[in-house]
PDB file of all heavy atoms in Angstrom:
ATOM      1  N   ASN A   1      -1.414  -4.169 -16.407  1.00  0.00           N
ATOM      2  CA  ASN A   1      -2.530  -3.250 -16.687  1.00  0.00           C
ATOM      3  C   ASN A   1      -2.970  -3.393 -18.205  1.00  0.00           C
ATOM      4  O   ASN A   1      -3.920  -2.707 -18.519  1.00  0.00           O
ATOM      5  CB  ASN A   1      -1.956  -1.827 -16.520  1.00  0.00           C
ATOM      6  CG  ASN A   1      -1.937  -1.457 -14.984  1.00  0.00           C
ATOM      7  OD1 ASN A   1      -2.559  -2.082 -14.168  1.00  0.00           O
ATOM      8  ND2 ASN A   1      -0.933  -0.594 -14.572  1.00  0.00           N
ATOM      9  N   GLN A   2      -2.278  -4.118 -19.021  1.00  0.00           N
ATOM     10  CA  GLN A   2      -2.764  -4.349 -20.407  1.00  0.00           C
ATOM     11  C   GLN A   2      -3.863  -5.385 -20.480  1.00  0.00           C
ATOM     12  O   GLN A   2      -4.481  -5.490 -21.469  1.00  0.00           O
ATOM     13  CB  GLN A   2      -1.551  -4.812 -21.290  1.00  0.00           C
ATOM     14  CG  GLN A   2      -0.398  -3.908 -21.355  1.00  0.00           C
ATOM     15  CD  GLN A   2      -0.713  -2.527 -21.710  1.00  0.00           C
ATOM     16  OE1 GLN A   2      -1.544  -2.282 -22.579  1.00  0.00           O
ATOM     17  NE2 GLN A   2      -0.148  -1.527 -20.885  1.00  0.00           N
ATOM     18  N   VAL A   3      -4.018  -6.077 -19.376  1.00  0.00           N
ATOM     19  CA  VAL A   3      -5.009  -7.180 -19.443  1.00  0.00           C
ATOM     20  C   VAL A   3      -6.419  -6.810 -19.385  1.00  0.00           C
ATOM     21  O   VAL A   3      -6.818  -6.118 -18.399  1.00  0.00           O
ATOM     22  CB  VAL A   3      -4.696  -8.294 -18.278  1.00  0.00           C
ATOM     23  CG1 VAL A   3      -5.669  -9.442 -18.344  1.00  0.00           C
ATOM     24  CG2 VAL A   3      -3.291  -8.766 -18.368  1.00  0.00           C
ATOM     25  N   ASP A   4      -7.180  -6.984 -20.479  1.00  0.00           N
ATOM     26  CA  ASP A   4      -8.634  -6.625 -20.438  1.00  0.00           C
ATOM     27  C   ASP A   4      -9.474  -7.707 -19.819  1.00  0.00           C
ATOM     28  O   ASP A   4     -10.531  -7.481 -19.373  1.00  0.00           O
ATOM     29  CB  ASP A   4      -9.032  -6.426 -21.881  1.00  0.00           C
ATOM     30  CG  ASP A   4      -8.324  -5.188 -22.497  1.00  0.00           C
ATOM     31  OD1 ASP A   4      -8.023  -4.355 -21.773  1.00  0.00           O
ATOM     32  OD2 ASP A   4      -8.084  -5.269 -23.744  1.00  0.00           O
ATOM     33  N   ARG A   5      -8.988  -8.995 -19.890  1.00  0.00           N
ATOM     34  CA  ARG A   5      -9.777 -10.068 -19.353  1.00  0.00           C
ATOM     35  C   ARG A   5      -9.575 -10.200 -17.865  1.00  0.00           C
ATOM     36  O   ARG A   5      -8.761  -9.397 -17.369  1.00  0.00           O
ATOM     37  CB  ARG A   5      -9.442 -11.392 -20.011  1.00  0.00           C
ATOM     38  CG  ARG A   5      -9.641 -11.304 -21.544  1.00  0.00           C
ATOM     39  CD  ARG A   5      -9.079 -12.532 -22.268  1.00  0.00           C
ATOM     40  NE  ARG A   5      -9.405 -12.311 -23.735  1.00  0.00           N
ATOM     41  CZ  ARG A   5      -9.910 -13.265 -24.440  1.00  0.00           C
ATOM     42  NH1 ARG A   5     -10.189 -14.424 -23.983  1.00  0.00           N
ATOM     43  NH2 ARG A   5     -10.153 -12.991 -25.715  1.00  0.00           N
ATOM     44  N   GLU A   6     -10.307 -11.118 -17.202  1.00  0.00           N
ATOM     45  CA  GLU A   6     -10.167 -11.251 -15.746  1.00  0.00           C
ATOM     46  C   GLU A   6      -8.765 -11.765 -15.422  1.00  0.00           C
ATOM     47  O   GLU A   6      -8.184 -11.260 -14.505  1.00  0.00           O
ATOM     48  CB  GLU A   6     -11.289 -12.137 -15.310  1.00  0.00           C
ATOM     49  CG  GLU A   6     -11.457 -11.939 -13.801  1.00  0.00           C
ATOM     50  CD  GLU A   6     -12.746 -12.695 -13.287  1.00  0.00           C
ATOM     51  OE1 GLU A   6     -13.641 -12.867 -14.047  1.00  0.00           O
ATOM     52  OE2 GLU A   6     -12.619 -13.272 -12.216  1.00  0.00           O
ATOM     53  N   ASN A   7      -8.287 -12.761 -16.129  1.00  0.00           N
ATOM     54  CA  ASN A   7      -7.135 -13.498 -15.674  1.00  0.00           C
ATOM     55  C   ASN A   7      -5.934 -13.209 -16.511  1.00  0.00           C
ATOM     56  O   ASN A   7      -6.018 -13.139 -17.763  1.00  0.00           O
ATOM     57  CB  ASN A   7      -7.310 -15.014 -15.530  1.00  0.00           C
ATOM     58  CG  ASN A   7      -8.197 -15.333 -14.341  1.00  0.00           C
ATOM     59  OD1 ASN A   7      -8.540 -14.429 -13.587  1.00  0.00           O
ATOM     60  ND2 ASN A   7      -8.619 -16.604 -14.260  1.00  0.00           N
ATOM     61  N   ALA A   8      -4.731 -13.134 -15.881  1.00  0.00           N
ATOM     62  CA  ALA A   8      -3.389 -13.074 -16.501  1.00  0.00           C
ATOM     63  C   ALA A   8      -2.752 -14.427 -16.406  1.00  0.00           C
ATOM     64  O   ALA A   8      -2.837 -15.019 -15.247  1.00  0.00           O
ATOM     65  CB  ALA A   8      -2.599 -11.992 -15.907  1.00  0.00           C
ATOM     66  N   VAL A   9      -2.202 -14.947 -17.495  1.00  0.00           N
ATOM     67  CA  VAL A   9      -1.403 -16.191 -17.407  1.00  0.00           C
ATOM     68  C   VAL A   9       0.071 -15.887 -17.643  1.00  0.00           C
ATOM     69  O   VAL A   9       0.404 -15.301 -18.635  1.00  0.00           O
ATOM     70  CB  VAL A   9      -1.895 -17.179 -18.473  1.00  0.00           C
ATOM     71  CG1 VAL A   9      -1.090 -18.414 -18.490  1.00  0.00           C
ATOM     72  CG2 VAL A   9      -3.431 -17.562 -18.204  1.00  0.00           C
ATOM     73  N   PHE A  10       0.855 -16.272 -16.656  1.00  0.00           N
ATOM     74  CA  PHE A  10       2.338 -16.124 -16.755  1.00  0.00           C
ATOM     75  C   PHE A  10       2.878 -17.511 -16.968  1.00  0.00           C
ATOM     76  O   PHE A  10       2.585 -18.512 -16.313  1.00  0.00           O
ATOM     77  CB  PHE A  10       2.914 -15.549 -15.409  1.00  0.00           C
ATOM     78  CG  PHE A  10       2.573 -14.148 -15.153  1.00  0.00           C
ATOM     79  CD1 PHE A  10       1.358 -13.740 -14.584  1.00  0.00           C
ATOM     80  CD2 PHE A  10       3.439 -13.102 -15.573  1.00  0.00           C
ATOM     81  CE1 PHE A  10       1.034 -12.445 -14.313  1.00  0.00           C
ATOM     82  CE2 PHE A  10       3.185 -11.771 -15.372  1.00  0.00           C
ATOM     83  CZ  PHE A  10       2.007 -11.462 -14.722  1.00  0.00           C
ATOM     84  N   MET A  11       3.916 -17.547 -17.921  1.00  0.00           N
ATOM     85  CA  MET A  11       4.586 -18.789 -18.183  1.00  0.00           C
ATOM     86  C   MET A  11       6.074 -18.505 -17.822  1.00  0.00           C
ATOM     87  O   MET A  11       6.725 -17.699 -18.421  1.00  0.00           O
ATOM     88  CB  MET A  11       4.483 -19.220 -19.651  1.00  0.00           C
ATOM     89  CG  MET A  11       3.104 -19.378 -20.139  1.00  0.00           C
ATOM     90  SD  MET A  11       2.092 -20.701 -19.309  1.00  0.00           S
ATOM     91  CE  MET A  11       2.979 -22.089 -19.937  1.00  0.00           C
ATOM     92  N   PHE A  12       6.632 -19.363 -16.844  1.00  0.00           N
ATOM     93  CA  PHE A  12       7.936 -19.250 -16.404  1.00  0.00           C
ATOM     94  C   PHE A  12       8.772 -20.408 -16.831  1.00  0.00           C
ATOM     95  O   PHE A  12       8.272 -21.499 -17.114  1.00  0.00           O
ATOM     96  CB  PHE A  12       8.100 -19.147 -14.860  1.00  0.00           C
ATOM     97  CG  PHE A  12       7.195 -18.106 -14.187  1.00  0.00           C
ATOM     98  CD1 PHE A  12       5.950 -18.275 -13.855  1.00  0.00           C
ATOM     99  CD2 PHE A  12       7.771 -16.725 -14.109  1.00  0.00           C
ATOM    100  CE1 PHE A  12       5.228 -17.264 -13.183  1.00  0.00           C
ATOM    101  CE2 PHE A  12       7.046 -15.736 -13.618  1.00  0.00           C
ATOM    102  CZ  PHE A  12       5.839 -16.035 -13.108  1.00  0.00           C
ATOM    103  N   ASN A  13      10.094 -20.209 -16.824  1.00  0.00           N
ATOM    104  CA  ASN A  13      11.049 -21.305 -17.097  1.00  0.00           C
ATOM    105  C   ASN A  13      11.914 -21.414 -15.873  1.00  0.00           C
ATOM    106  O   ASN A  13      11.797 -22.337 -15.124  1.00  0.00           O
ATOM    107  CB  ASN A  13      11.867 -20.985 -18.396  1.00  0.00           C
ATOM    108  CG  ASN A  13      12.631 -22.322 -18.681  1.00  0.00           C
ATOM    109  OD1 ASN A  13      12.340 -23.492 -18.367  1.00  0.00           O
ATOM    110  ND2 ASN A  13      13.795 -22.109 -19.289  1.00  0.00           N
ATOM    111  N   SER A  14      12.776 -20.396 -15.658  1.00  0.00           N
ATOM    112  CA  SER A  14      13.563 -20.387 -14.476  1.00  0.00           C
ATOM    113  C   SER A  14      13.766 -18.909 -14.061  1.00  0.00           C
ATOM    114  O   SER A  14      13.334 -17.961 -14.745  1.00  0.00           O
ATOM    115  CB  SER A  14      14.972 -21.013 -14.733  1.00  0.00           C
ATOM    116  OG  SER A  14      15.796 -20.101 -15.529  1.00  0.00           O
ATOM    117  N   SER A  15      14.509 -18.734 -12.966  1.00  0.00           N
ATOM    118  CA  SER A  15      14.593 -17.417 -12.359  1.00  0.00           C
ATOM    119  C   SER A  15      15.417 -16.441 -13.315  1.00  0.00           C
ATOM    120  O   SER A  15      15.457 -15.245 -13.078  1.00  0.00           O
ATOM    121  CB  SER A  15      15.176 -17.387 -11.001  1.00  0.00           C
ATOM    122  OG  SER A  15      16.452 -18.035 -11.075  1.00  0.00           O
ATOM    123  N   GLY A  16      16.176 -17.022 -14.199  1.00  0.00           N
ATOM    124  CA  GLY A  16      17.034 -16.267 -15.092  1.00  0.00           C
ATOM    125  C   GLY A  16      16.529 -16.078 -16.485  1.00  0.00           C
ATOM    126  O   GLY A  16      17.162 -15.377 -17.291  1.00  0.00           O
ATOM    127  N   ASP A  17      15.385 -16.674 -16.835  1.00  0.00           N
ATOM    128  CA  ASP A  17      14.912 -16.653 -18.155  1.00  0.00           C
ATOM    129  C   ASP A  17      13.725 -15.712 -18.330  1.00  0.00           C
ATOM    130  O   ASP A  17      13.114 -15.439 -17.422  1.00  0.00           O
ATOM    131  CB  ASP A  17      14.416 -18.112 -18.597  1.00  0.00           C
ATOM    132  CG  ASP A  17      15.633 -19.004 -18.776  1.00  0.00           C
ATOM    133  OD1 ASP A  17      16.567 -18.597 -19.352  1.00  0.00           O
ATOM    134  OD2 ASP A  17      15.489 -20.148 -18.307  1.00  0.00           O
ATOM    135  N   PRO A  18      13.545 -15.197 -19.576  1.00  0.00           N
ATOM    136  CA  PRO A  18      12.436 -14.288 -19.867  1.00  0.00           C
ATOM    137  C   PRO A  18      11.119 -14.916 -19.469  1.00  0.00           C
ATOM    138  O   PRO A  18      10.933 -16.128 -19.700  1.00  0.00           O
ATOM    139  CB  PRO A  18      12.506 -13.955 -21.338  1.00  0.00           C
ATOM    140  CG  PRO A  18      13.693 -14.531 -21.871  1.00  0.00           C
ATOM    141  CD  PRO A  18      14.334 -15.382 -20.820  1.00  0.00           C
ATOM    142  N   THR A  19      10.099 -14.169 -18.970  1.00  0.00           N
ATOM    143  CA  THR A  19       8.764 -14.707 -18.602  1.00  0.00           C
ATOM    144  C   THR A  19       7.794 -14.186 -19.669  1.00  0.00           C
ATOM    145  O   THR A  19       7.857 -13.000 -20.117  1.00  0.00           O
ATOM    146  CB  THR A  19       8.368 -14.179 -17.285  1.00  0.00           C
ATOM    147  OG1 THR A  19       9.312 -14.868 -16.317  1.00  0.00           O
ATOM    148  CG2 THR A  19       6.943 -14.572 -16.811  1.00  0.00           C
ATOM    149  N   LEU A  20       6.913 -15.078 -20.035  1.00  0.00           N
ATOM    150  CA  LEU A  20       5.841 -14.717 -20.972  1.00  0.00           C
ATOM    151  C   LEU A  20       4.560 -14.515 -20.224  1.00  0.00           C
ATOM    152  O   LEU A  20       4.208 -15.288 -19.271  1.00  0.00           O
ATOM    153  CB  LEU A  20       5.720 -15.916 -21.981  1.00  0.00           C
ATOM    154  CG  LEU A  20       4.839 -15.671 -23.177  1.00  0.00           C
ATOM    155  CD1 LEU A  20       5.651 -15.798 -24.441  1.00  0.00           C
ATOM    156  CD2 LEU A  20       3.732 -16.763 -23.222  1.00  0.00           C
ATOM    157  N   MET A  21       3.732 -13.472 -20.789  1.00  0.00           N
ATOM    158  CA  MET A  21       2.380 -13.305 -20.106  1.00  0.00           C
ATOM    159  C   MET A  21       1.426 -13.048 -21.259  1.00  0.00           C
ATOM    160  O   MET A  21       1.692 -12.423 -22.245  1.00  0.00           O
ATOM    161  CB  MET A  21       2.430 -12.042 -19.226  1.00  0.00           C
ATOM    162  CG  MET A  21       1.319 -11.836 -18.340  1.00  0.00           C
ATOM    163  SD  MET A  21      -0.154 -11.174 -19.124  1.00  0.00           S
ATOM    164  CE  MET A  21       0.167  -9.418 -18.996  1.00  0.00           C
ATOM    165  N   ARG A  22       0.198 -13.687 -21.055  1.00  0.00           N
ATOM    166  CA  ARG A  22      -0.881 -13.463 -22.009  1.00  0.00           C
ATOM    167  C   ARG A  22      -2.148 -13.196 -21.250  1.00  0.00           C
ATOM    168  O   ARG A  22      -2.237 -13.449 -19.954  1.00  0.00           O
ATOM    169  CB  ARG A  22      -0.936 -14.552 -23.038  1.00  0.00           C
ATOM    170  CG  ARG A  22      -1.126 -15.841 -22.614  1.00  0.00           C
ATOM    171  CD  ARG A  22      -1.385 -16.864 -23.669  1.00  0.00           C
ATOM    172  NE  ARG A  22      -1.938 -18.160 -23.094  1.00  0.00           N
ATOM    173  CZ  ARG A  22      -1.141 -19.160 -22.796  1.00  0.00           C
ATOM    174  NH1 ARG A  22       0.177 -19.173 -23.125  1.00  0.00           N
ATOM    175  NH2 ARG A  22      -1.701 -20.274 -22.349  1.00  0.00           N
ATOM    176  N   GLU A  23      -3.213 -12.901 -21.953  1.00  0.00           N
ATOM    177  CA  GLU A  23      -4.541 -12.719 -21.315  1.00  0.00           C
ATOM    178  C   GLU A  23      -5.321 -14.004 -21.471  1.00  0.00           C
ATOM    179  O   GLU A  23      -5.876 -14.238 -22.555  1.00  0.00           O
ATOM    180  CB  GLU A  23      -5.211 -11.504 -21.948  1.00  0.00           C
ATOM    181  CG  GLU A  23      -4.460 -10.252 -22.053  1.00  0.00           C
ATOM    182  CD  GLU A  23      -5.161  -9.085 -22.770  1.00  0.00           C
ATOM    183  OE1 GLU A  23      -6.340  -9.039 -22.700  1.00  0.00           O
ATOM    184  OE2 GLU A  23      -4.475  -8.313 -23.418  1.00  0.00           O
ATOM    185  N   GLY A  24      -5.513 -14.707 -20.343  1.00  0.00           N
ATOM    186  CA  GLY A  24      -6.220 -15.903 -20.305  1.00  0.00           C
ATOM    187  C   GLY A  24      -5.759 -16.818 -21.478  1.00  0.00           C
ATOM    188  O   GLY A  24      -4.514 -17.107 -21.593  1.00  0.00           O
ATOM    189  N   SER A  25      -6.654 -17.245 -22.338  1.00  0.00           N
ATOM    190  CA  SER A  25      -6.243 -18.263 -23.385  1.00  0.00           C
ATOM    191  C   SER A  25      -6.041 -17.426 -24.743  1.00  0.00           C
ATOM    192  O   SER A  25      -5.721 -18.093 -25.762  1.00  0.00           O
ATOM    193  CB  SER A  25      -7.399 -19.317 -23.604  1.00  0.00           C
ATOM    194  OG  SER A  25      -8.597 -18.609 -23.915  1.00  0.00           O
ATOM    195  N   ASP A  26      -6.143 -16.132 -24.699  1.00  0.00           N
ATOM    196  CA  ASP A  26      -6.012 -15.344 -25.874  1.00  0.00           C
ATOM    197  C   ASP A  26      -4.546 -15.137 -26.269  1.00  0.00           C
ATOM    198  O   ASP A  26      -3.752 -14.692 -25.454  1.00  0.00           O
ATOM    199  CB  ASP A  26      -6.543 -13.974 -25.590  1.00  0.00           C
ATOM    200  CG  ASP A  26      -6.542 -13.071 -26.857  1.00  0.00           C
ATOM    201  OD1 ASP A  26      -6.149 -13.500 -27.914  1.00  0.00           O
ATOM    202  OD2 ASP A  26      -6.795 -11.764 -26.646  1.00  0.00           O
ATOM    203  N   GLU A  27      -4.188 -15.666 -27.420  1.00  0.00           N
ATOM    204  CA  GLU A  27      -2.751 -15.566 -27.814  1.00  0.00           C
ATOM    205  C   GLU A  27      -2.487 -14.482 -28.788  1.00  0.00           C
ATOM    206  O   GLU A  27      -1.397 -14.391 -29.322  1.00  0.00           O
ATOM    207  CB  GLU A  27      -2.307 -16.918 -28.428  1.00  0.00           C
ATOM    208  CG  GLU A  27      -2.454 -18.040 -27.406  1.00  0.00           C
ATOM    209  CD  GLU A  27      -1.527 -19.249 -27.612  1.00  0.00           C
ATOM    210  OE1 GLU A  27      -0.709 -19.207 -28.632  1.00  0.00           O
ATOM    211  OE2 GLU A  27      -1.637 -20.219 -26.916  1.00  0.00           O
ATOM    212  N   SER A  28      -3.568 -13.593 -28.999  1.00  0.00           N
ATOM    213  CA  SER A  28      -3.231 -12.456 -29.968  1.00  0.00           C
ATOM    214  C   SER A  28      -2.494 -11.315 -29.348  1.00  0.00           C
ATOM    215  O   SER A  28      -2.042 -10.395 -29.961  1.00  0.00           O
ATOM    216  CB  SER A  28      -4.613 -11.988 -30.533  1.00  0.00           C
ATOM    217  OG  SER A  28      -5.323 -11.303 -29.547  1.00  0.00           O
ATOM    218  N   ALA A  29      -2.386 -11.424 -27.949  1.00  0.00           N
ATOM    219  CA  ALA A  29      -1.657 -10.411 -27.253  1.00  0.00           C
ATOM    220  C   ALA A  29      -0.623 -11.106 -26.304  1.00  0.00           C
ATOM    221  O   ALA A  29      -1.067 -11.841 -25.499  1.00  0.00           O
ATOM    222  CB  ALA A  29      -2.513  -9.504 -26.413  1.00  0.00           C
ATOM    223  N   VAL A  30       0.681 -10.985 -26.619  1.00  0.00           N
ATOM    224  CA  VAL A  30       1.617 -11.634 -25.847  1.00  0.00           C
ATOM    225  C   VAL A  30       2.694 -10.632 -25.326  1.00  0.00           C
ATOM    226  O   VAL A  30       3.122  -9.729 -26.073  1.00  0.00           O
ATOM    227  CB  VAL A  30       2.383 -12.739 -26.737  1.00  0.00           C
ATOM    228  CG1 VAL A  30       3.645 -13.257 -26.062  1.00  0.00           C
ATOM    229  CG2 VAL A  30       1.443 -13.839 -27.028  1.00  0.00           C
ATOM    230  N   TYR A  31       3.054 -10.774 -24.098  1.00  0.00           N
ATOM    231  CA  TYR A  31       4.070  -9.903 -23.468  1.00  0.00           C
ATOM    232  C   TYR A  31       5.246 -10.650 -22.915  1.00  0.00           C
ATOM    233  O   TYR A  31       4.966 -11.777 -22.424  1.00  0.00           O
ATOM    234  CB  TYR A  31       3.433  -9.045 -22.374  1.00  0.00           C
ATOM    235  CG  TYR A  31       2.144  -8.313 -22.752  1.00  0.00           C
ATOM    236  CD1 TYR A  31       0.903  -9.082 -22.608  1.00  0.00           C
ATOM    237  CD2 TYR A  31       2.227  -7.116 -23.344  1.00  0.00           C
ATOM    238  CE1 TYR A  31      -0.263  -8.387 -23.030  1.00  0.00           C
ATOM    239  CE2 TYR A  31       1.023  -6.516 -23.860  1.00  0.00           C
ATOM    240  CZ  TYR A  31      -0.161  -7.140 -23.637  1.00  0.00           C
ATOM    241  OH  TYR A  31      -1.359  -6.550 -24.093  1.00  0.00           O
ATOM    242  N   VAL A  32       6.450 -10.090 -22.988  1.00  0.00           N
ATOM    243  CA  VAL A  32       7.545 -10.772 -22.399  1.00  0.00           C
ATOM    244  C   VAL A  32       8.303  -9.799 -21.489  1.00  0.00           C
ATOM    245  O   VAL A  32       8.385  -8.597 -21.838  1.00  0.00           O
ATOM    246  CB  VAL A  32       8.646 -11.168 -23.582  1.00  0.00           C
ATOM    247  CG1 VAL A  32       9.873 -11.842 -22.964  1.00  0.00           C
ATOM    248  CG2 VAL A  32       7.898 -12.167 -24.612  1.00  0.00           C
ATOM    249  N   VAL A  33       8.697 -10.207 -20.291  1.00  0.00           N
ATOM    250  CA  VAL A  33       9.483  -9.346 -19.436  1.00  0.00           C
ATOM    251  C   VAL A  33      10.740 -10.138 -18.923  1.00  0.00           C
ATOM    252  O   VAL A  33      10.622 -11.312 -18.642  1.00  0.00           O
ATOM    253  CB  VAL A  33       8.554  -8.857 -18.281  1.00  0.00           C
ATOM    254  CG1 VAL A  33       7.984  -9.993 -17.485  1.00  0.00           C
ATOM    255  CG2 VAL A  33       9.259  -7.908 -17.387  1.00  0.00           C
ATOM    256  N   MET A  34      11.819  -9.340 -18.874  1.00  0.00           N
ATOM    257  CA  MET A  34      13.114 -10.022 -18.422  1.00  0.00           C
ATOM    258  C   MET A  34      13.149  -9.807 -16.931  1.00  0.00           C
ATOM    259  O   MET A  34      12.767  -8.933 -16.318  1.00  0.00           O
ATOM    260  CB  MET A  34      14.268  -9.149 -18.993  1.00  0.00           C
ATOM    261  CG  MET A  34      14.401  -9.230 -20.537  1.00  0.00           C
ATOM    262  SD  MET A  34      14.578 -10.855 -21.204  1.00  0.00           S
ATOM    263  CE  MET A  34      16.312 -11.173 -20.687  1.00  0.00           C
ATOM    264  N   PRO A  35      13.634 -10.951 -16.254  1.00  0.00           N
ATOM    265  CA  PRO A  35      13.695 -10.863 -14.800  1.00  0.00           C
ATOM    266  C   PRO A  35      14.920 -10.139 -14.371  1.00  0.00           C
ATOM    267  O   PRO A  35      15.769  -9.792 -15.237  1.00  0.00           O
ATOM    268  CB  PRO A  35      13.894 -12.400 -14.443  1.00  0.00           C
ATOM    269  CG  PRO A  35      14.515 -12.988 -15.658  1.00  0.00           C
ATOM    270  CD  PRO A  35      14.146 -12.234 -16.841  1.00  0.00           C
ATOM    271  N   MET A  36      14.954  -9.775 -13.057  1.00  0.00           N
ATOM    272  CA  MET A  36      16.200  -9.096 -12.490  1.00  0.00           C
ATOM    273  C   MET A  36      16.535  -9.821 -11.218  1.00  0.00           C
ATOM    274  O   MET A  36      15.723 -10.473 -10.504  1.00  0.00           O
ATOM    275  CB  MET A  36      15.952  -7.673 -12.392  1.00  0.00           C
ATOM    276  CG  MET A  36      14.865  -7.286 -11.298  1.00  0.00           C
ATOM    277  SD  MET A  36      14.467  -5.384 -11.353  1.00  0.00           S
ATOM    278  CE  MET A  36      15.992  -4.841 -10.600  1.00  0.00           C
ATOM    279  N   ARG A  37      17.791  -9.701 -10.803  1.00  0.00           N
ATOM    280  CA  ARG A  37      18.222 -10.304  -9.551  1.00  0.00           C
ATOM    281  C   ARG A  37      17.757  -9.505  -8.353  1.00  0.00           C
ATOM    282  O   ARG A  37      17.732  -8.366  -8.345  1.00  0.00           O
ATOM    283  CB  ARG A  37      19.794 -10.244  -9.493  1.00  0.00           C
ATOM    284  CG  ARG A  37      20.421 -11.531 -10.029  1.00  0.00           C
ATOM    285  CD  ARG A  37      21.766 -11.675  -9.649  1.00  0.00           C
ATOM    286  NE  ARG A  37      22.606 -12.453 -10.513  1.00  0.00           N
ATOM    287  CZ  ARG A  37      23.259 -11.893 -11.600  1.00  0.00           C
ATOM    288  NH1 ARG A  37      23.247 -10.576 -11.705  1.00  0.00           N
ATOM    289  NH2 ARG A  37      23.875 -12.661 -12.428  1.00  0.00           N
ATOM    290  N   VAL A  38      17.222 -10.248  -7.389  1.00  0.00           N
ATOM    291  CA  VAL A  38      16.728  -9.585  -6.138  1.00  0.00           C
ATOM    292  C   VAL A  38      17.392 -10.368  -4.958  1.00  0.00           C
ATOM    293  O   VAL A  38      17.782 -11.500  -5.034  1.00  0.00           O
ATOM    294  CB  VAL A  38      15.160  -9.767  -5.977  1.00  0.00           C
ATOM    295  CG1 VAL A  38      14.553  -8.735  -6.947  1.00  0.00           C
ATOM    296  CG2 VAL A  38      14.641 -11.113  -6.268  1.00  0.00           C
TER     297      VAL A  38
END
Protein backbone atom coordinates (compact mmCIF):
# COMPACT_ATOMS: atom_id res chain seq x y z
CA ASN A 1 0.00 0.00 0.00
CA GLN A 2 3.02 2.33 0.16
CA VAL A 3 3.58 2.08 -3.59
CA ASP A 4 2.56 5.27 -5.41
CA ARG A 5 3.74 4.07 -8.79
CA GLU A 6 2.07 1.38 -10.86
CA ASN A 7 4.54 -1.42 -10.24
CA ALA A 8 6.16 -2.93 -7.18
CA VAL A 9 9.52 -4.67 -7.56
CA PHE A 10 10.35 -7.48 -5.10
CA MET A 11 13.90 -8.83 -4.81
CA PHE A 12 14.18 -12.33 -3.29
CA ASN A 13 17.12 -14.49 -2.30
CA SER A 14 15.70 -17.63 -0.69
CA SER A 15 12.66 -18.62 1.34
CA GLY A 16 14.48 -17.91 4.60
CA ASP A 17 16.06 -14.54 3.75
CA PRO A 18 14.64 -11.01 4.06
CA THR A 19 12.90 -9.72 0.93
CA LEU A 20 13.42 -6.24 -0.45
CA MET A 21 10.69 -4.18 -2.12
CA ARG A 22 10.85 -0.86 -3.95
CA GLU A 23 8.63 1.22 -6.24
CA GLY A 24 9.60 0.47 -9.84
CA SER A 25 13.11 1.81 -10.45
CA ASP A 26 12.86 4.39 -7.63
CA GLU A 27 15.45 3.62 -4.97
CA SER A 28 14.55 6.52 -2.65
CA ALA A 29 11.95 4.31 -0.92
CA VAL A 30 13.06 0.82 0.10
CA TYR A 31 11.16 -1.71 2.22
CA VAL A 32 12.32 -4.95 3.80
CA VAL A 33 10.06 -7.71 5.09
CA MET A 34 11.07 -10.88 6.92
CA PRO A 35 9.57 -14.16 5.64
CA MET A 36 7.74 -16.66 7.83
CA ARG A 37 7.34 -20.43 7.67
CA VAL A 38 4.13 -21.63 6.01
